[in-house]
Protein backbone atom coordinates (compact mmCIF):
# COMPACT_ATOMS: atom_id res chain seq x y z
CA UNK A 1 -61.33 -58.25 -35.55
CA UNK A 2 -64.08 -60.85 -35.24
CA UNK A 3 -66.57 -60.95 -32.39
CA UNK A 4 -64.93 -64.12 -31.05
CA UNK A 5 -61.47 -62.53 -31.17
CA UNK A 6 -62.61 -59.33 -29.44
CA UNK A 7 -64.43 -61.34 -26.78
CA UNK A 8 -61.31 -63.42 -26.15
CA UNK A 9 -59.24 -60.24 -25.84
CA UNK A 10 -61.71 -58.85 -23.30
CA UNK A 11 -61.65 -62.06 -21.25
CA UNK A 12 -57.85 -62.10 -21.33
CA UNK A 13 -57.71 -58.48 -20.17
CA UNK A 14 -59.94 -59.29 -17.19
CA UNK A 15 -57.93 -62.41 -16.39
CA UNK A 16 -54.76 -60.29 -16.30
CA UNK A 17 -56.21 -58.52 -13.28
CA UNK A 18 -58.53 -55.60 -12.64
CA UNK A 19 -59.77 -53.62 -9.68
CA UNK A 20 -62.77 -51.38 -9.21
CA UNK A 21 -63.07 -47.89 -7.79
CA UNK A 22 -66.43 -46.91 -6.35
CA UNK A 23 -68.06 -43.90 -8.00
CA UNK A 24 -71.34 -43.96 -6.06
CA UNK A 25 -72.49 -42.99 -2.58
CA UNK A 26 -73.89 -45.46 -0.03
CA UNK A 27 -77.61 -45.51 0.69
CA UNK A 28 -78.63 -44.96 4.31
CA UNK A 29 -81.51 -43.47 6.28
CA UNK A 30 -80.88 -39.77 6.82
CA UNK A 31 -78.63 -39.34 3.79
CA UNK A 32 -78.75 -36.04 1.86
CA UNK A 33 -81.70 -35.93 -0.53
CA UNK A 34 -82.80 -33.24 -2.96
CA UNK A 35 -85.83 -31.31 -1.64
CA UNK A 36 -87.62 -32.27 -4.85
CA UNK A 37 -87.57 -35.98 -4.01
CA UNK A 38 -88.63 -38.30 -1.17
CA UNK A 39 -85.95 -39.37 1.27
CA UNK A 40 -84.41 -42.81 1.54
CA UNK A 41 -85.61 -45.13 4.29
CA UNK A 42 -84.53 -48.66 5.17
CA UNK A 43 -85.58 -50.76 8.12
CA UNK A 44 -85.64 -54.42 8.97
CA UNK A 45 -89.17 -55.82 8.87
CA UNK A 46 -88.05 -59.31 9.85
CA UNK A 47 -85.25 -60.06 12.28
CA UNK A 48 -83.36 -63.23 13.01
CA UNK A 49 -85.32 -65.10 15.64
CA UNK A 50 -88.72 -63.68 14.64
CA UNK A 51 -89.33 -67.02 12.99
CA UNK A 52 -87.12 -70.08 13.40
CA UNK A 53 -87.34 -73.04 11.06
CA UNK A 54 -87.42 -76.61 12.42
CA UNK A 55 -83.75 -77.03 11.54
CA UNK A 56 -82.75 -73.89 13.52
CA UNK A 57 -82.42 -71.62 10.48
CA UNK A 58 -83.68 -68.03 10.50
CA UNK A 59 -83.80 -65.17 7.99
CA UNK A 60 -83.87 -61.39 8.10
CA UNK A 61 -85.09 -58.95 5.47
CA UNK A 62 -85.78 -55.26 5.02
CA UNK A 63 -88.14 -52.82 3.36
CA UNK A 64 -86.84 -49.93 1.24
CA UNK A 65 -88.67 -46.66 0.60
CA UNK A 66 -87.03 -44.41 -1.96
CA UNK A 67 -87.53 -42.30 -5.03
CA UNK A 68 -85.84 -42.85 -8.35
CA UNK A 69 -83.64 -39.77 -7.85
CA UNK A 70 -82.26 -40.56 -4.40
CA UNK A 71 -78.57 -41.23 -3.80
CA UNK A 72 -76.37 -41.91 -6.80
CA UNK A 73 -78.80 -42.20 -9.69
CA UNK A 74 -79.22 -41.64 -13.41
CA UNK A 75 -81.91 -39.49 -14.99
CA UNK A 76 -84.10 -40.96 -17.71
CA UNK A 77 -85.09 -38.73 -20.61
CA UNK A 78 -88.63 -38.59 -19.20
CA UNK A 79 -87.37 -36.68 -16.16
CA UNK A 80 -87.49 -33.15 -17.60
CA UNK A 81 -89.67 -31.46 -20.22
CA UNK A 82 -89.54 -28.00 -21.73
CA UNK A 83 -92.58 -26.16 -23.07
CA UNK A 84 -94.51 -29.41 -22.65
CA UNK A 85 -92.10 -31.54 -24.68
CA UNK A 86 -89.64 -34.30 -23.81
CA UNK A 87 -86.55 -35.16 -25.84
CA UNK A 88 -87.32 -35.64 -29.51
CA UNK A 89 -90.52 -33.58 -29.36
CA UNK A 90 -92.50 -36.18 -27.38
CA UNK A 91 -95.64 -34.73 -25.77
CA UNK A 92 -94.91 -34.93 -22.04
CA UNK A 93 -98.53 -34.84 -20.86
CA UNK A 94 -99.58 -37.65 -23.19
CA UNK A 95 -96.51 -39.75 -22.33
CA UNK A 96 -97.20 -39.70 -18.58
CA UNK A 97 -100.84 -40.78 -18.61
CA UNK A 98 -101.63 -43.88 -16.57
CA UNK A 99 -99.09 -43.28 -13.83
CA UNK A 100 -95.97 -44.14 -15.81
CA UNK A 101 -94.15 -42.81 -18.83
CA UNK A 102 -94.79 -44.62 -22.08
CA UNK A 103 -91.88 -42.79 -23.73
CA UNK A 104 -88.32 -42.38 -22.46
CA UNK A 105 -88.91 -44.44 -19.30
CA UNK A 106 -86.06 -45.58 -17.07
CA UNK A 107 -86.20 -49.07 -18.58
CA UNK A 108 -84.84 -47.51 -21.76
CA UNK A 109 -81.71 -46.09 -20.19
CA UNK A 110 -78.92 -48.14 -21.77
CA UNK A 111 -76.39 -50.09 -19.73
CA UNK A 112 -73.18 -48.06 -19.83
CA UNK A 113 -70.01 -50.07 -20.30
CA UNK A 114 -67.86 -47.50 -21.96
CA UNK A 115 -64.94 -45.12 -21.60
CA UNK A 116 -65.20 -42.79 -18.63
CA UNK A 117 -63.26 -39.54 -18.34
CA UNK A 118 -62.78 -37.76 -15.02
CA UNK A 119 -62.75 -33.98 -15.36
CA UNK A 120 -61.24 -32.83 -12.07
CA UNK A 121 -62.04 -29.11 -12.04
CA UNK A 122 -60.59 -28.33 -8.57
CA UNK A 123 -57.48 -30.26 -9.54
CA UNK A 124 -57.08 -28.14 -12.66
CA UNK A 125 -57.48 -24.98 -10.56
CA UNK A 126 -55.11 -26.13 -7.85
CA UNK A 127 -57.73 -26.14 -5.07
CA UNK A 128 -59.32 -28.92 -3.01
CA UNK A 129 -62.93 -28.03 -3.87
CA UNK A 130 -64.98 -25.38 -5.63
CA UNK A 131 -66.74 -22.65 -3.68
CA UNK A 132 -70.49 -22.75 -2.96
CA UNK A 133 -72.55 -21.61 -5.94
CA UNK A 134 -69.53 -21.51 -8.26
CA UNK A 135 -70.03 -22.29 -11.94
CA UNK A 136 -68.13 -24.86 -13.97
CA UNK A 137 -67.75 -23.33 -17.43
CA UNK A 138 -66.72 -24.71 -20.78
CA UNK A 139 -63.25 -23.30 -20.19
CA UNK A 140 -63.08 -25.14 -16.86
CA UNK A 141 -64.00 -28.43 -18.51
CA UNK A 142 -61.50 -27.90 -21.30
CA UNK A 143 -58.77 -27.12 -18.75
CA UNK A 144 -59.63 -30.24 -16.75
CA UNK A 145 -59.55 -32.36 -19.91
CA UNK A 146 -56.14 -30.91 -20.85
CA UNK A 147 -54.82 -31.68 -17.36
CA UNK A 148 -56.14 -35.24 -17.62
CA UNK A 149 -54.74 -35.72 -21.11
CA UNK A 150 -58.12 -37.13 -22.06
CA UNK A 151 -61.14 -35.42 -23.59
CA UNK A 152 -64.56 -37.10 -23.62
CA UNK A 153 -65.94 -38.09 -27.00
CA UNK A 154 -68.94 -39.78 -28.62
CA UNK A 155 -70.44 -42.51 -26.44
CA UNK A 156 -68.24 -41.68 -23.44
CA UNK A 157 -69.33 -40.74 -19.92
CA UNK A 158 -67.89 -37.46 -18.59
CA UNK A 159 -67.61 -37.17 -14.81
CA UNK A 160 -67.24 -33.66 -13.41
CA UNK A 161 -65.56 -33.41 -10.01
CA UNK A 162 -66.25 -30.28 -7.94
CA UNK A 163 -65.00 -31.63 -4.60
CA UNK A 164 -68.48 -31.20 -3.16
CA UNK A 165 -68.75 -34.87 -2.14
CA UNK A 166 -66.45 -34.05 0.77
CA UNK A 167 -69.57 -32.56 2.39
CA UNK A 168 -71.78 -35.62 1.88
CA UNK A 169 -71.80 -36.55 5.58
CA UNK A 170 -73.26 -33.12 6.44
CA UNK A 171 -76.65 -33.02 4.69
CA UNK A 172 -77.35 -29.31 5.18
CA UNK A 173 -73.92 -28.26 3.92
CA UNK A 174 -74.03 -30.70 1.01
CA UNK A 175 -77.50 -29.61 -0.16
CA UNK A 176 -76.40 -25.97 0.18
CA UNK A 177 -79.80 -24.29 0.10
CA UNK A 178 -78.55 -21.05 1.64
CA UNK A 179 -74.98 -21.11 0.34
CA UNK A 180 -75.49 -22.52 -3.14
CA UNK A 181 -73.85 -25.53 -4.79
CA UNK A 182 -71.18 -25.52 -7.51
CA UNK A 183 -71.99 -27.07 -10.84
CA UNK A 184 -71.93 -27.00 -14.60
CA UNK A 185 -73.15 -23.84 -16.34
CA UNK A 186 -75.08 -23.64 -19.59
CA UNK A 187 -71.98 -23.17 -21.73
CA UNK A 188 -70.36 -26.07 -19.88
CA UNK A 189 -73.37 -28.23 -20.76
CA UNK A 190 -73.05 -27.26 -24.41
CA UNK A 191 -69.36 -28.19 -24.31
CA UNK A 192 -70.36 -31.67 -23.13
CA UNK A 193 -73.14 -31.93 -25.69
CA UNK A 194 -70.77 -31.00 -28.51
CA UNK A 195 -68.66 -34.01 -27.56
CA UNK A 196 -71.74 -36.25 -27.86
CA UNK A 197 -71.27 -38.06 -24.56
CA UNK A 198 -73.92 -40.61 -23.62
CA UNK A 199 -74.05 -39.33 -20.04
CA UNK A 200 -72.51 -36.74 -17.76
CA UNK A 201 -72.19 -37.07 -13.99
CA UNK A 202 -71.14 -34.95 -11.04
CA UNK A 203 -70.58 -35.15 -7.28
CA UNK A 204 -73.48 -32.83 -6.38
CA UNK A 205 -77.22 -33.07 -5.89
CA UNK A 206 -78.30 -31.39 -9.14
CA UNK A 207 -75.27 -31.56 -11.49
CA UNK A 208 -75.65 -27.90 -12.41
CA UNK A 209 -74.85 -24.70 -10.53
CA UNK A 210 -77.34 -23.82 -7.77
CA UNK A 211 -77.15 -20.12 -6.79
CA UNK A 212 -77.23 -19.20 -3.07
CA UNK A 213 -80.77 -19.22 -1.66
CA UNK A 214 -82.26 -20.02 -5.06
CA UNK A 215 -82.78 -23.75 -4.62
CA UNK A 216 -83.82 -25.74 -7.68
CA UNK A 217 -85.97 -22.97 -9.11
CA UNK A 218 -84.70 -23.38 -12.67
CA UNK A 219 -82.51 -26.13 -14.12
CA UNK A 220 -81.31 -24.99 -17.57
CA UNK A 221 -78.54 -27.59 -17.81
CA UNK A 222 -81.11 -30.37 -17.44
CA UNK A 223 -82.98 -28.85 -20.38
CA UNK A 224 -79.84 -28.70 -22.53
CA UNK A 225 -78.65 -32.22 -21.78
CA UNK A 226 -81.85 -34.24 -21.29
CA UNK A 227 -84.36 -32.47 -23.51
CA UNK A 228 -82.28 -30.96 -26.27
CA UNK A 229 -79.55 -33.58 -26.64
CA UNK A 230 -80.80 -36.82 -25.03
CA UNK A 231 -77.79 -37.02 -22.69
CA UNK A 232 -78.39 -38.77 -19.37
CA UNK A 233 -77.35 -37.10 -16.10
CA UNK A 234 -75.82 -38.93 -13.13
CA UNK A 235 -76.00 -37.16 -9.77
CA UNK A 236 -74.71 -37.65 -6.20
CA UNK A 237 -71.52 -39.31 -7.39
CA UNK A 238 -68.53 -40.11 -5.19
CA UNK A 239 -65.44 -38.92 -7.08
CA UNK A 240 -62.93 -38.27 -4.29
CA UNK A 241 -61.29 -41.71 -4.35
CA UNK A 242 -60.99 -41.63 -8.15
CA UNK A 243 -59.32 -38.22 -7.97
CA UNK A 244 -56.99 -39.29 -5.15
CA UNK A 245 -55.89 -42.27 -7.24
CA UNK A 246 -55.19 -40.01 -10.19
CA UNK A 247 -57.72 -41.65 -12.51
CA UNK A 248 -58.29 -39.83 -15.78
CA UNK A 249 -59.77 -42.34 -18.23
CA UNK A 250 -61.04 -45.82 -17.43
CA UNK A 251 -63.69 -48.41 -18.17
CA UNK A 252 -66.94 -47.05 -16.76
CA UNK A 253 -69.66 -49.52 -15.77
CA UNK A 254 -73.23 -48.57 -14.84
CA UNK A 255 -76.41 -50.61 -15.18
CA UNK A 256 -79.72 -48.92 -14.30
CA UNK A 257 -82.70 -50.78 -12.91
CA UNK A 258 -85.34 -51.47 -15.56
CA UNK A 259 -88.06 -49.42 -13.87
CA UNK A 260 -90.82 -49.40 -16.47
CA UNK A 261 -92.09 -45.87 -17.04
CA UNK A 262 -89.83 -44.38 -14.37
CA UNK A 263 -87.96 -41.10 -14.57
CA UNK A 264 -84.70 -42.29 -13.02
CA UNK A 265 -82.93 -45.19 -11.39
CA UNK A 266 -80.60 -45.67 -8.42
CA UNK A 267 -77.24 -46.99 -9.66
CA UNK A 268 -73.85 -48.19 -8.44
CA UNK A 269 -71.28 -46.94 -10.96
CA UNK A 270 -67.69 -48.15 -10.84
CA UNK A 271 -64.43 -47.45 -12.63
CA UNK A 272 -62.59 -50.58 -13.76
CA UNK A 273 -58.81 -50.21 -13.99
CA UNK A 274 -55.79 -52.49 -14.17
CA UNK A 275 -54.74 -54.20 -10.96
């Protein structure tokens, strides 16, 4: 198939009708934020009527204060190092000199317009949500893939639902410092890496399992995915609507901000499905 033919087929598919399902959380002052990152703040710095043009027109605008890992976001490969090295053996200390990363910065995160696969772990277990601090193992991911009838493969994005996003409106419960947070275990991360996905996302603050009272003391899954395999991580996803609609595989669209030398980027991922 020629490029022109494939482009025409894509345009025709869109013209036939599509709809989008939100996979990201809204950004608002007071939203849950990992203790490792600054919180999100938004306020109007200019209100309608502060200045009025001769023709009666007025404008309003805001100021945003946020980190790169606040709300739904994607991790760049510069985000985590192990034994002083980033992915591919890049020296982390040398790469971060000058106040920004010269290797693996957020501007190098690729746009993701690819196949997405929803791995609904609670759905596979027959529960509404996983328990606090519960691990998502390789067997859990395999069972969720079997239930979906779709297994992630090379270049895909795997989205792991734990049901934890149901707590997003209660910051303390969602962050789960005392109770723990469910998430992918080390063998689960290796299962994803073996399938050579480009990114893996989840509906929690840290993607991986956080034990009760332990906080973000160690993050082995970040090491496995980011450092060892160069797989991006998407956190704070909203996967309830996708699960309720029975989505299993779909066109996944995510475009990160080109933050030069950054370690992550806020994103608005969506699933694109037939109308």
